[in-house]
Amino acid sequence: QVQLAESGGGLVQPGGSLRLSCSASGIFFSIYTWGWYRQAPGKQRELVASVSSGRSTKYQDSVKGRFTISKDNAKNTVYLQMNSLKPEDTAVYFCHADHEWQNIQHWGQGTQVTVSS
């Protein structure tokens, strides 16, 4: 059974940092593109960042230069380092796995990130 478990969310002041982790089990980790999505209240879920099996990364324009996605294939874990956080980054952040050549996707349960003074 595939499980994606996010951790690292919480309350942080503007300008602060958080590191999200997504630990995966029951999955062939290295053949997926891994992404972090977020969903704020009343808004659609949106892609924040992704890293492919070949380690190519993509970022939403609003987080470029502030967020960094990375992965550790040996630990089956993907990370999102978030720096210079802004109130508009407040959302539930979801880990996502997209199989490289099959139509298979998995989602984590989400972790809340709140940026507020």
PDB file of N, CA and C in Angstrom:
ATOM      1  N   GLN A   1       0.848  -1.190   0.000  1.00  0.00           N
ATOM      2  CA  GLN A   1       0.000   0.000   0.000  1.00  0.00           C
ATOM      3  C   GLN A   1       0.889   1.248   0.000  1.00  0.00           C
ATOM      4  N   VAL A   2       0.572   2.167  -0.919  1.00  0.00           N
ATOM      5  CA  VAL A   2       1.351   3.387  -1.031  1.00  0.00           C
ATOM      6  C   VAL A   2       0.923   4.372   0.048  1.00  0.00           C
ATOM      7  N   GLN A   3       1.904   4.936   0.721  1.00  0.00           N
ATOM      8  CA  GLN A   3       1.619   5.972   1.706  1.00  0.00           C
ATOM      9  C   GLN A   3       2.603   7.119   1.533  1.00  0.00           C
ATOM     10  N   LEU A   4       2.080   8.324   1.518  1.00  0.00           N
ATOM     11  CA  LEU A   4       2.885   9.530   1.488  1.00  0.00           C
ATOM     12  C   LEU A   4       2.570  10.316   2.750  1.00  0.00           C
ATOM     13  N   ALA A   5       3.574  10.561   3.553  1.00  0.00           N
ATOM     14  CA  ALA A   5       3.358  11.214   4.844  1.00  0.00           C
ATOM     15  C   ALA A   5       4.132  12.522   4.896  1.00  0.00           C
ATOM     16  N   GLU A   6       3.377  13.631   4.901  1.00  0.00           N
ATOM     17  CA  GLU A   6       4.013  14.946   4.990  1.00  0.00           C
ATOM     18  C   GLU A   6       4.237  15.327   6.453  1.00  0.00           C
ATOM     19  N   SER A   7       5.255  16.121   6.660  1.00  0.00           N
ATOM     20  CA  SER A   7       5.523  16.669   7.985  1.00  0.00           C
ATOM     21  C   SER A   7       6.273  17.985   7.820  1.00  0.00           C
ATOM     22  N   GLY A   8       6.341  18.744   8.909  1.00  0.00           N
ATOM     23  CA  GLY A   8       7.116  19.971   8.890  1.00  0.00           C
ATOM     24  C   GLY A   8       6.313  21.250   8.799  1.00  0.00           C
ATOM     25  N   GLY A   9       5.014  21.133   8.643  1.00  0.00           N
ATOM     26  CA  GLY A   9       4.199  22.337   8.602  1.00  0.00           C
ATOM     27  C   GLY A   9       4.076  22.980   9.972  1.00  0.00           C
ATOM     28  N   GLY A  10       3.478  24.172   9.985  1.00  0.00           N
ATOM     29  CA  GLY A  10       3.283  24.851  11.250  1.00  0.00           C
ATOM     30  C   GLY A  10       3.037  26.319  11.059  1.00  0.00           C
ATOM     31  N   LEU A  11       3.151  27.041  12.157  1.00  0.00           N
ATOM     32  CA  LEU A  11       2.960  28.493  12.161  1.00  0.00           C
ATOM     33  C   LEU A  11       4.321  29.169  12.177  1.00  0.00           C
ATOM     34  N   VAL A  12       4.500  30.117  11.278  1.00  0.00           N
ATOM     35  CA  VAL A  12       5.771  30.832  11.195  1.00  0.00           C
ATOM     36  C   VAL A  12       5.491  32.297  10.899  1.00  0.00           C
ATOM     37  N   GLN A  13       6.360  33.157  11.366  1.00  0.00           N
ATOM     38  CA  GLN A  13       6.198  34.585  11.094  1.00  0.00           C
ATOM     39  C   GLN A  13       6.658  34.917   9.688  1.00  0.00           C
ATOM     40  N   PRO A  14       6.151  35.995   9.128  1.00  0.00           N
ATOM     41  CA  PRO A  14       6.628  36.425   7.805  1.00  0.00           C
ATOM     42  C   PRO A  14       8.146  36.594   7.809  1.00  0.00           C
ATOM     43  N   GLY A  15       8.756  36.121   6.736  1.00  0.00           N
ATOM     44  CA  GLY A  15      10.208  36.154   6.642  1.00  0.00           C
ATOM     45  C   GLY A  15      10.882  34.916   7.183  1.00  0.00           C
ATOM     46  N   GLY A  16      10.125  34.070   7.851  1.00  0.00           N
ATOM     47  CA  GLY A  16      10.682  32.863   8.432  1.00  0.00           C
ATOM     48  C   GLY A  16      10.822  31.723   7.433  1.00  0.00           C
ATOM     49  N   SER A  17      11.254  30.582   7.955  1.00  0.00           N
ATOM     50  CA  SER A  17      11.512  29.413   7.115  1.00  0.00           C
ATOM     51  C   SER A  17      10.864  28.164   7.701  1.00  0.00           C
ATOM     52  N   LEU A  18      10.540  27.266   6.819  1.00  0.00           N
ATOM     53  CA  LEU A  18      10.073  25.935   7.190  1.00  0.00           C
ATOM     54  C   LEU A  18      10.617  24.946   6.172  1.00  0.00           C
ATOM     55  N   ARG A  19      10.792  23.711   6.611  1.00  0.00           N
ATOM     56  CA  ARG A  19      11.137  22.645   5.681  1.00  0.00           C
ATOM     57  C   ARG A  19      10.100  21.539   5.782  1.00  0.00           C
ATOM     58  N   LEU A  20       9.436  21.311   4.673  1.00  0.00           N
ATOM     59  CA  LEU A  20       8.469  20.222   4.604  1.00  0.00           C
ATOM     60  C   LEU A  20       9.162  18.951   4.137  1.00  0.00           C
ATOM     61  N   SER A  21       8.710  17.837   4.671  1.00  0.00           N
ATOM     62  CA  SER A  21       9.213  16.532   4.246  1.00  0.00           C
ATOM     63  C   SER A  21       8.044  15.656   3.845  1.00  0.00           C
ATOM     64  N   CYS A  22       8.274  14.809   2.867  1.00  0.00           N
ATOM     65  CA  CYS A  22       7.288  13.827   2.446  1.00  0.00           C
ATOM     66  C   CYS A  22       7.988  12.487   2.377  1.00  0.00           C
ATOM     67  N   SER A  23       7.630  11.624   3.281  1.00  0.00           N
ATOM     68  CA  SER A  23       8.232  10.299   3.341  1.00  0.00           C
ATOM     69  C   SER A  23       7.303   9.304   2.662  1.00  0.00           C
ATOM     70  N   ALA A  24       7.838   8.577   1.701  1.00  0.00           N
ATOM     71  CA  ALA A  24       7.016   7.655   0.914  1.00  0.00           C
ATOM     72  C   ALA A  24       7.328   6.207   1.250  1.00  0.00           C
ATOM     73  N   SER A  25       6.295   5.383   1.214  1.00  0.00           N
ATOM     74  CA  SER A  25       6.468   3.948   1.408  1.00  0.00           C
ATOM     75  C   SER A  25       5.565   3.199   0.445  1.00  0.00           C
ATOM     76  N   GLY A  26       5.972   1.974   0.117  1.00  0.00           N
ATOM     77  CA  GLY A  26       5.183   1.160  -0.794  1.00  0.00           C
ATOM     78  C   GLY A  26       5.216   1.629  -2.229  1.00  0.00           C
ATOM     79  N   ILE A  27       6.267   2.328  -2.596  1.00  0.00           N
ATOM     80  CA  ILE A  27       6.339   2.948  -3.917  1.00  0.00           C
ATOM     81  C   ILE A  27       7.770   2.869  -4.429  1.00  0.00           C
ATOM     82  N   PHE A  28       7.899   2.713  -5.759  1.00  0.00           N
ATOM     83  CA  PHE A  28       9.221   2.724  -6.375  1.00  0.00           C
ATOM     84  C   PHE A  28       9.601   4.193  -6.569  1.00  0.00           C
ATOM     85  N   PHE A  29      10.175   4.767  -5.537  1.00  0.00           N
ATOM     86  CA  PHE A  29      10.338   6.208  -5.382  1.00  0.00           C
ATOM     87  C   PHE A  29      11.003   6.867  -6.589  1.00  0.00           C
ATOM     88  N   SER A  30      12.033   6.259  -7.123  1.00  0.00           N
ATOM     89  CA  SER A  30      12.882   6.946  -8.089  1.00  0.00           C
ATOM     90  C   SER A  30      12.274   7.090  -9.480  1.00  0.00           C
ATOM     91  N   ILE A  31      11.164   6.434  -9.757  1.00  0.00           N
ATOM     92  CA  ILE A  31      10.581   6.525 -11.102  1.00  0.00           C
ATOM     93  C   ILE A  31       9.353   7.431 -11.135  1.00  0.00           C
ATOM     94  N   TYR A  32       9.253   8.276 -10.150  1.00  0.00           N
ATOM     95  CA  TYR A  32       8.168   9.248 -10.090  1.00  0.00           C
ATOM     96  C   TYR A  32       8.712  10.666 -10.191  1.00  0.00           C
ATOM     97  N   THR A  33       7.892  11.547 -10.735  1.00  0.00           N
ATOM     98  CA  THR A  33       8.103  12.976 -10.551  1.00  0.00           C
ATOM     99  C   THR A  33       7.393  13.361  -9.266  1.00  0.00           C
ATOM    100  N   TRP A  34       8.116  14.049  -8.410  1.00  0.00           N
ATOM    101  CA  TRP A  34       7.579  14.423  -7.110  1.00  0.00           C
ATOM    102  C   TRP A  34       7.266  15.913  -7.085  1.00  0.00           C
ATOM    103  N   GLY A  35       6.129  16.226  -6.527  1.00  0.00           N
ATOM    104  CA  GLY A  35       5.727  17.624  -6.488  1.00  0.00           C
ATOM    105  C   GLY A  35       5.136  18.014  -5.150  1.00  0.00           C
ATOM    106  N   TRP A  36       5.194  19.301  -4.903  1.00  0.00           N
ATOM    107  CA  TRP A  36       4.477  19.898  -3.792  1.00  0.00           C
ATOM    108  C   TRP A  36       3.408  20.818  -4.360  1.00  0.00           C
ATOM    109  N   TYR A  37       2.196  20.605  -3.945  1.00  0.00           N
ATOM    110  CA  TYR A  37       1.071  21.446  -4.290  1.00  0.00           C
ATOM    111  C   TYR A  37       0.592  22.142  -3.024  1.00  0.00           C
ATOM    112  N   ARG A  38      -0.169  23.208  -3.224  1.00  0.00           N
ATOM    113  CA  ARG A  38      -0.782  23.860  -2.072  1.00  0.00           C
ATOM    114  C   ARG A  38      -2.187  24.315  -2.426  1.00  0.00           C
ATOM    115  N   GLN A  39      -2.999  24.403  -1.379  1.00  0.00           N
ATOM    116  CA  GLN A  39      -4.373  24.850  -1.564  1.00  0.00           C
ATOM    117  C   GLN A  39      -4.742  25.762  -0.410  1.00  0.00           C
ATOM    118  N   ALA A  40      -5.019  26.995  -0.754  1.00  0.00           N
ATOM    119  CA  ALA A  40      -5.466  27.974   0.230  1.00  0.00           C
ATOM    120  C   ALA A  40      -6.994  27.962   0.293  1.00  0.00           C
ATOM    121  N   PRO A  41      -7.574  28.411   1.384  1.00  0.00           N
ATOM    122  CA  PRO A  41      -9.033  28.411   1.502  1.00  0.00           C
ATOM    123  C   PRO A  41      -9.693  29.155   0.348  1.00  0.00           C
ATOM    124  N   GLY A  42     -10.654  28.510  -0.276  1.00  0.00           N
ATOM    125  CA  GLY A  42     -11.393  29.124  -1.353  1.00  0.00           C
ATOM    126  C   GLY A  42     -10.668  29.179  -2.681  1.00  0.00           C
ATOM    127  N   LYS A  43      -9.487  28.561  -2.748  1.00  0.00           N
ATOM    128  CA  LYS A  43      -8.714  28.586  -3.985  1.00  0.00           C
ATOM    129  C   LYS A  43      -8.461  27.174  -4.488  1.00  0.00           C
ATOM    130  N   GLN A  44      -8.096  27.089  -5.761  1.00  0.00           N
ATOM    131  CA  GLN A  44      -7.780  25.791  -6.338  1.00  0.00           C
ATOM    132  C   GLN A  44      -6.392  25.327  -5.907  1.00  0.00           C
ATOM    133  N   ARG A  45      -6.229  24.036  -5.914  1.00  0.00           N
ATOM    134  CA  ARG A  45      -4.914  23.485  -5.627  1.00  0.00           C
ATOM    135  C   ARG A  45      -3.968  23.849  -6.761  1.00  0.00           C
ATOM    136  N   GLU A  46      -2.749  24.247  -6.404  1.00  0.00           N
ATOM    137  CA  GLU A  46      -1.796  24.679  -7.408  1.00  0.00           C
ATOM    138  C   GLU A  46      -0.437  24.039  -7.164  1.00  0.00           C
ATOM    139  N   LEU A  47       0.287  23.838  -8.267  1.00  0.00           N
ATOM    140  CA  LEU A  47       1.623  23.268  -8.175  1.00  0.00           C
ATOM    141  C   LEU A  47       2.591  24.338  -7.683  1.00  0.00           C
ATOM    142  N   VAL A  48       3.364  23.988  -6.683  1.00  0.00           N
ATOM    143  CA  VAL A  48       4.374  24.900  -6.151  1.00  0.00           C
ATOM    144  C   VAL A  48       5.734  24.585  -6.744  1.00  0.00           C
ATOM    145  N   ALA A  49       6.101  23.311  -6.733  1.00  0.00           N
ATOM    146  CA  ALA A  49       7.412  22.896  -7.232  1.00  0.00           C
ATOM    147  C   ALA A  49       7.374  21.413  -7.536  1.00  0.00           C
ATOM    148  N   SER A  50       8.245  21.002  -8.448  1.00  0.00           N
ATOM    149  CA  SER A  50       8.339  19.587  -8.770  1.00  0.00           C
ATOM    150  C   SER A  50       9.777  19.222  -9.091  1.00  0.00           C
ATOM    151  N   VAL A  51      10.079  17.934  -8.905  1.00  0.00           N
ATOM    152  CA  VAL A  51      11.395  17.415  -9.264  1.00  0.00           C
ATOM    153  C   VAL A  51      11.186  16.082  -9.952  1.00  0.00           C
ATOM    154  N   SER A  52      11.787  15.939 -11.117  1.00  0.00           N
ATOM    155  CA  SER A  52      11.595  14.722 -11.901  1.00  0.00           C
ATOM    156  C   SER A  52      12.541  13.620 -11.452  1.00  0.00           C
ATOM    157  N   SER A  53      12.363  12.456 -12.065  1.00  0.00           N
ATOM    158  CA  SER A  53      13.264  11.347 -11.753  1.00  0.00           C
ATOM    159  C   SER A  53      14.703  11.704 -12.097  1.00  0.00           C
ATOM    160  N   GLY A  54      14.859  12.560 -13.100  1.00  0.00           N
ATOM    161  CA  GLY A  54      16.196  13.007 -13.492  1.00  0.00           C
ATOM    162  C   GLY A  54      16.655  14.248 -12.759  1.00  0.00           C
ATOM    163  N   ARG A  55      15.896  14.638 -11.743  1.00  0.00           N
ATOM    164  CA  ARG A  55      16.226  15.777 -10.866  1.00  0.00           C
ATOM    165  C   ARG A  55      16.038  17.140 -11.513  1.00  0.00           C
ATOM    166  N   SER A  56      15.314  17.193 -12.624  1.00  0.00           N
ATOM    167  CA  SER A  56      14.946  18.497 -13.173  1.00  0.00           C
ATOM    168  C   SER A  56      13.879  19.112 -12.278  1.00  0.00           C
ATOM    169  N   THR A  57      14.006  20.384 -12.010  1.00  0.00           N
ATOM    170  CA  THR A  57      13.075  21.051 -11.106  1.00  0.00           C
ATOM    171  C   THR A  57      12.281  22.141 -11.823  1.00  0.00           C
ATOM    172  N   LYS A  58      11.080  22.356 -11.339  1.00  0.00           N
ATOM    173  CA  LYS A  58      10.232  23.433 -11.813  1.00  0.00           C
ATOM    174  C   LYS A  58       9.625  24.122 -10.606  1.00  0.00           C
ATOM    175  N   TYR A  59       9.400  25.434 -10.743  1.00  0.00           N
ATOM    176  CA  TYR A  59       8.831  26.210  -9.657  1.00  0.00           C
ATOM    177  C   TYR A  59       7.752  27.149 -10.174  1.00  0.00           C
ATOM    178  N   GLN A  60       6.775  27.344  -9.342  1.00  0.00           N
ATOM    179  CA  GLN A  60       5.807  28.399  -9.607  1.00  0.00           C
ATOM    180  C   GLN A  60       6.540  29.730  -9.490  1.00  0.00           C
ATOM    181  N   ASP A  61       6.176  30.685 -10.347  1.00  0.00           N
ATOM    182  CA  ASP A  61       6.891  31.963 -10.357  1.00  0.00           C
ATOM    183  C   ASP A  61       6.921  32.638  -8.989  1.00  0.00           C
ATOM    184  N   SER A  62       5.853  32.520  -8.239  1.00  0.00           N
ATOM    185  CA  SER A  62       5.748  33.249  -6.971  1.00  0.00           C
ATOM    186  C   SER A  62       6.698  32.722  -5.893  1.00  0.00           C
ATOM    187  N   VAL A  63       7.273  31.537  -6.106  1.00  0.00           N
ATOM    188  CA  VAL A  63       8.163  30.974  -5.087  1.00  0.00           C
ATOM    189  C   VAL A  63       9.610  30.862  -5.557  1.00  0.00           C
ATOM    190  N   LYS A  64       9.861  31.204  -6.807  1.00  0.00           N
ATOM    191  CA  LYS A  64      11.227  31.124  -7.331  1.00  0.00           C
ATOM    192  C   LYS A  64      12.163  31.993  -6.497  1.00  0.00           C
ATOM    193  N   GLY A  65      13.300  31.421  -6.153  1.00  0.00           N
ATOM    194  CA  GLY A  65      14.275  32.135  -5.335  1.00  0.00           C
ATOM    195  C   GLY A  65      14.028  32.037  -3.844  1.00  0.00           C
ATOM    196  N   ARG A  66      12.864  31.522  -3.471  1.00  0.00           N
ATOM    197  CA  ARG A  66      12.535  31.389  -2.041  1.00  0.00           C
ATOM    198  C   ARG A  66      12.393  29.928  -1.618  1.00  0.00           C
ATOM    199  N   PHE A  67      11.858  29.105  -2.502  1.00  0.00           N
ATOM    200  CA  PHE A  67      11.617  27.694  -2.181  1.00  0.00           C
ATOM    201  C   PHE A  67      12.587  26.822  -2.969  1.00  0.00           C
ATOM    202  N   THR A  68      12.961  25.702  -2.371  1.00  0.00           N
ATOM    203  CA  THR A  68      13.813  24.731  -3.041  1.00  0.00           C
ATOM    204  C   THR A  68      13.261  23.330  -2.796  1.00  0.00           C
ATOM    205  N   ILE A  69      13.037  22.623  -3.895  1.00  0.00           N
ATOM    206  CA  ILE A  69      12.593  21.238  -3.787  1.00  0.00           C
ATOM    207  C   ILE A  69      13.797  20.325  -3.985  1.00  0.00           C
ATOM    208  N   SER A  70      13.836  19.255  -3.218  1.00  0.00           N
ATOM    209  CA  SER A  70      14.914  18.282  -3.352  1.00  0.00           C
ATOM    210  C   SER A  70      14.386  16.918  -2.946  1.00  0.00           C
ATOM    211  N   LYS A  71      15.158  15.887  -3.265  1.00  0.00           N
ATOM    212  CA  LYS A  71      14.740  14.547  -2.889  1.00  0.00           C
ATOM    213  C   LYS A  71      15.942  13.700  -2.539  1.00  0.00           C
ATOM    214  N   ASP A  72      15.695  12.692  -1.744  1.00  0.00           N
ATOM    215  CA  ASP A  72      16.715  11.731  -1.354  1.00  0.00           C
ATOM    216  C   ASP A  72      16.166  10.349  -1.703  1.00  0.00           C
ATOM    217  N   ASN A  73      16.631   9.804  -2.814  1.00  0.00           N
ATOM    218  CA  ASN A  73      16.109   8.511  -3.260  1.00  0.00           C
ATOM    219  C   ASN A  73      16.390   7.407  -2.242  1.00  0.00           C
ATOM    220  N   ALA A  74      17.508   7.508  -1.541  1.00  0.00           N
ATOM    221  CA  ALA A  74      17.867   6.469  -0.574  1.00  0.00           C
ATOM    222  C   ALA A  74      16.922   6.476   0.624  1.00  0.00           C
ATOM    223  N   LYS A  75      16.360   7.641   0.931  1.00  0.00           N
ATOM    224  CA  LYS A  75      15.444   7.761   2.070  1.00  0.00           C
ATOM    225  C   LYS A  75      13.987   7.810   1.643  1.00  0.00           C
ATOM    226  N   ASN A  76      13.744   7.716   0.345  1.00  0.00           N
ATOM    227  CA  ASN A  76      12.366   7.811  -0.164  1.00  0.00           C
ATOM    228  C   ASN A  76      11.662   9.058   0.360  1.00  0.00           C
ATOM    229  N   THR A  77      12.361  10.154   0.324  1.00  0.00           N
ATOM    230  CA  THR A  77      11.831  11.386   0.908  1.00  0.00           C
ATOM    231  C   THR A  77      12.060  12.559  -0.035  1.00  0.00           C
ATOM    232  N   VAL A  78      11.061  13.397  -0.133  1.00  0.00           N
ATOM    233  CA  VAL A  78      11.165  14.628  -0.896  1.00  0.00           C
ATOM    234  C   VAL A  78      10.955  15.793   0.067  1.00  0.00           C
ATOM    235  N   TYR A  79      11.680  16.872  -0.173  1.00  0.00           N
ATOM    236  CA  TYR A  79      11.676  18.018   0.731  1.00  0.00           C
ATOM    237  C   TYR A  79      11.244  19.287  -0.003  1.00  0.00           C
ATOM    238  N   LEU A  80      10.739  20.212   0.760  1.00  0.00           N
ATOM    239  CA  LEU A  80      10.497  21.557   0.250  1.00  0.00           C
ATOM    240  C   LEU A  80      11.021  22.532   1.297  1.00  0.00           C
ATOM    241  N   GLN A  81      12.146  23.157   0.984  1.00  0.00           N
ATOM    242  CA  GLN A  81      12.690  24.185   1.853  1.00  0.00           C
ATOM    243  C   GLN A  81      12.056  25.509   1.472  1.00  0.00           C
ATOM    244  N   MET A  82      11.417  26.134   2.439  1.00  0.00           N
ATOM    245  CA  MET A  82      10.694  27.376   2.185  1.00  0.00           C
ATOM    246  C   MET A  82      11.308  28.486   3.017  1.00  0.00           C
ATOM    247  N   ASN A  83      11.856  29.473   2.333  1.00  0.00           N
ATOM    248  CA  ASN A  83      12.474  30.614   2.997  1.00  0.00           C
ATOM    249  C   ASN A  83      11.714  31.894   2.659  1.00  0.00           C
ATOM    250  N   SER A  84      11.967  32.921   3.413  1.00  0.00           N
ATOM    251  CA  SER A  84      11.331  34.222   3.187  1.00  0.00           C
ATOM    252  C   SER A  84       9.823  34.076   3.001  1.00  0.00           C
ATOM    253  N   LEU A  85       9.223  33.353   3.900  1.00  0.00           N
ATOM    254  CA  LEU A  85       7.793  33.064   3.780  1.00  0.00           C
ATOM    255  C   LEU A  85       6.948  34.312   3.907  1.00  0.00           C
ATOM    256  N   LYS A  86       5.867  34.315   3.153  1.00  0.00           N
ATOM    257  CA  LYS A  86       4.934  35.437   3.110  1.00  0.00           C
ATOM    258  C   LYS A  86       3.552  34.959   3.545  1.00  0.00           C
ATOM    259  N   PRO A  87       2.714  35.872   4.017  1.00  0.00           N
ATOM    260  CA  PRO A  87       1.353  35.467   4.395  1.00  0.00           C
ATOM    261  C   PRO A  87       0.609  34.756   3.264  1.00  0.00           C
ATOM    262  N   GLU A  88       0.880  35.148   2.027  1.00  0.00           N
ATOM    263  CA  GLU A  88       0.195  34.517   0.897  1.00  0.00           C
ATOM    264  C   GLU A  88       0.671  33.092   0.628  1.00  0.00           C
ATOM    265  N   ASP A  89       1.687  32.642   1.331  1.00  0.00           N
ATOM    266  CA  ASP A  89       2.105  31.244   1.242  1.00  0.00           C
ATOM    267  C   ASP A  89       1.262  30.338   2.147  1.00  0.00           C
ATOM    268  N   THR A  90       0.422  30.931   2.940  1.00  0.00           N
ATOM    269  CA  THR A  90      -0.439  30.159   3.838  1.00  0.00           C
ATOM    270  C   THR A  90      -1.361  29.248   3.040  1.00  0.00           C
ATOM    271  N   ALA A  91      -1.310  27.972   3.348  1.00  0.00           N
ATOM    272  CA  ALA A  91      -2.101  26.971   2.624  1.00  0.00           C
ATOM    273  C   ALA A  91      -1.849  25.600   3.241  1.00  0.00           C
ATOM    274  N   VAL A  92      -2.630  24.649   2.783  1.00  0.00           N
ATOM    275  CA  VAL A  92      -2.309  23.252   3.055  1.00  0.00           C
ATOM    276  C   VAL A  92      -1.418  22.780   1.920  1.00  0.00           C
ATOM    277  N   TYR A  93      -0.294  22.189   2.271  1.00  0.00           N
ATOM    278  CA  TYR A  93       0.674  21.727   1.289  1.00  0.00           C
ATOM    279  C   TYR A  93       0.589  20.208   1.164  1.00  0.00           C
ATOM    280  N   PHE A  94       0.508  19.775  -0.083  1.00  0.00           N
ATOM    281  CA  PHE A  94       0.331  18.354  -0.374  1.00  0.00           C
ATOM    282  C   PHE A  94       1.525  17.814  -1.165  1.00  0.00           C
ATOM    283  N   CYS A  95       1.931  16.642  -0.808  1.00  0.00           N
ATOM    284  CA  CYS A  95       2.944  15.910  -1.553  1.00  0.00           C
ATOM    285  C   CYS A  95       2.238  15.115  -2.661  1.00  0.00           C
ATOM    286  N   HIS A  96       2.870  15.048  -3.815  1.00  0.00           N
ATOM    287  CA  HIS A  96       2.266  14.379  -4.967  1.00  0.00           C
ATOM    288  C   HIS A  96       3.311  13.577  -5.713  1.00  0.00           C
ATOM    289  N   ALA A  97       2.923  12.380  -6.133  1.00  0.00           N
ATOM    290  CA  ALA A  97       3.800  11.522  -6.917  1.00  0.00           C
ATOM    291  C   ALA A  97       3.134  11.202  -8.243  1.00  0.00           C
ATOM    292  N   ASP A  98       3.857  11.395  -9.318  1.00  0.00           N
ATOM    293  CA  ASP A  98       3.343  11.182 -10.670  1.00  0.00           C
ATOM    294  C   ASP A  98       4.296  10.218 -11.384  1.00  0.00           C
ATOM    295  N   HIS A  99       3.807   9.017 -11.688  1.00  0.00           N
ATOM    296  CA  HIS A  99       4.644   8.011 -12.345  1.00  0.00           C
ATOM    297  C   HIS A  99       5.162   8.556 -13.669  1.00  0.00           C
ATOM    298  N   GLU A 100       6.396   8.282 -13.977  1.00  0.00           N
ATOM    299  CA  GLU A 100       7.029   8.867 -15.155  1.00  0.00           C
ATOM    300  C   GLU A 100       6.399   8.422 -16.469  1.00  0.00           C
ATOM    301  N   TRP A 101       5.940   7.170 -16.574  1.00  0.00           N
ATOM    302  CA  TRP A 101       5.388   6.733 -17.859  1.00  0.00           C
ATOM    303  C   TRP A 101       4.052   6.020 -17.745  1.00  0.00           C
ATOM    304  N   GLN A 102       3.507   5.863 -16.572  1.00  0.00           N
ATOM    305  CA  GLN A 102       2.170   5.295 -16.408  1.00  0.00           C
ATOM    306  C   GLN A 102       1.254   6.327 -15.761  1.00  0.00           C
ATOM    307  N   ASN A 103      -0.024   6.172 -16.028  1.00  0.00           N
ATOM    308  CA  ASN A 103      -0.997   7.107 -15.477  1.00  0.00           C
ATOM    309  C   ASN A 103      -1.315   6.719 -14.033  1.00  0.00           C
ATOM    310  N   ILE A 104      -0.341   6.926 -13.170  1.00  0.00           N
ATOM    311  CA  ILE A 104      -0.489   6.589 -11.758  1.00  0.00           C
ATOM    312  C   ILE A 104      -0.056   7.796 -10.943  1.00  0.00           C
ATOM    313  N   GLN A 105      -0.923   8.215 -10.048  1.00  0.00           N
ATOM    314  CA  GLN A 105      -0.623   9.348  -9.174  1.00  0.00           C
ATOM    315  C   GLN A 105      -1.004   9.004  -7.740  1.00  0.00           C
ATOM    316  N   HIS A 106      -0.281   9.632  -6.815  1.00  0.00           N
ATOM    317  CA  HIS A 106      -0.567   9.456  -5.390  1.00  0.00           C
ATOM    318  C   HIS A 106      -0.484  10.807  -4.704  1.00  0.00           C
ATOM    319  N   TRP A 107      -1.308  10.970  -3.670  1.00  0.00           N
ATOM    320  CA  TRP A 107      -1.322  12.211  -2.889  1.00  0.00           C
ATOM    321  C   TRP A 107      -1.113  11.902  -1.406  1.00  0.00           C
ATOM    322  N   GLY A 108      -0.437  12.851  -0.759  1.00  0.00           N
ATOM    323  CA  GLY A 108      -0.370  12.799   0.685  1.00  0.00           C
ATOM    324  C   GLY A 108      -1.603  13.444   1.292  1.00  0.00           C
ATOM    325  N   GLN A 109      -1.662  13.437   2.601  1.00  0.00           N
ATOM    326  CA  GLN A 109      -2.847  13.947   3.288  1.00  0.00           C
ATOM    327  C   GLN A 109      -2.789  15.463   3.520  1.00  0.00           C
ATOM    328  N   GLY A 110      -1.630  16.044   3.344  1.00  0.00           N
ATOM    329  CA  GLY A 110      -1.479  17.488   3.487  1.00  0.00           C
ATOM    330  C   GLY A 110      -0.959  17.910   4.842  1.00  0.00           C
ATOM    331  N   THR A 111      -0.257  19.039   4.846  1.00  0.00           N
ATOM    332  CA  THR A 111       0.231  19.632   6.083  1.00  0.00           C
ATOM    333  C   THR A 111      -0.009  21.142   6.014  1.00  0.00           C
ATOM    334  N   GLN A 112      -0.496  21.696   7.106  1.00  0.00           N
ATOM    335  CA  GLN A 112      -0.864  23.110   7.130  1.00  0.00           C
ATOM    336  C   GLN A 112       0.367  23.979   7.353  1.00  0.00           C
ATOM    337  N   VAL A 113       0.490  25.000   6.521  1.00  0.00           N
ATOM    338  CA  VAL A 113       1.509  26.037   6.697  1.00  0.00           C
ATOM    339  C   VAL A 113       0.780  27.363   6.865  1.00  0.00           C
ATOM    340  N   THR A 114       1.041  28.024   7.972  1.00  0.00           N
ATOM    341  CA  THR A 114       0.426  29.309   8.251  1.00  0.00           C
ATOM    342  C   THR A 114       1.521  30.338   8.492  1.00  0.00           C
ATOM    343  N   VAL A 115       1.481  31.400   7.704  1.00  0.00           N
ATOM    344  CA  VAL A 115       2.457  32.477   7.831  1.00  0.00           C
ATOM    345  C   VAL A 115       1.731  33.710   8.352  1.00  0.00           C
ATOM    346  N   SER A 116       2.023  34.046   9.579  1.00  0.00           N
ATOM    347  CA  SER A 116       1.293  35.142  10.225  1.00  0.00           C
ATOM    348  C   SER A 116       2.110  35.689  11.389  1.00  0.00           C
ATOM    349  N   SER A 117       1.948  36.979  11.603  1.00  0.00           N
ATOM    350  CA  SER A 117       2.601  37.608  12.755  1.00  0.00           C
ATOM    351  C   SER A 117       1.656  37.634  13.953  1.00  0.00           C
TER     352      SER A 117
END
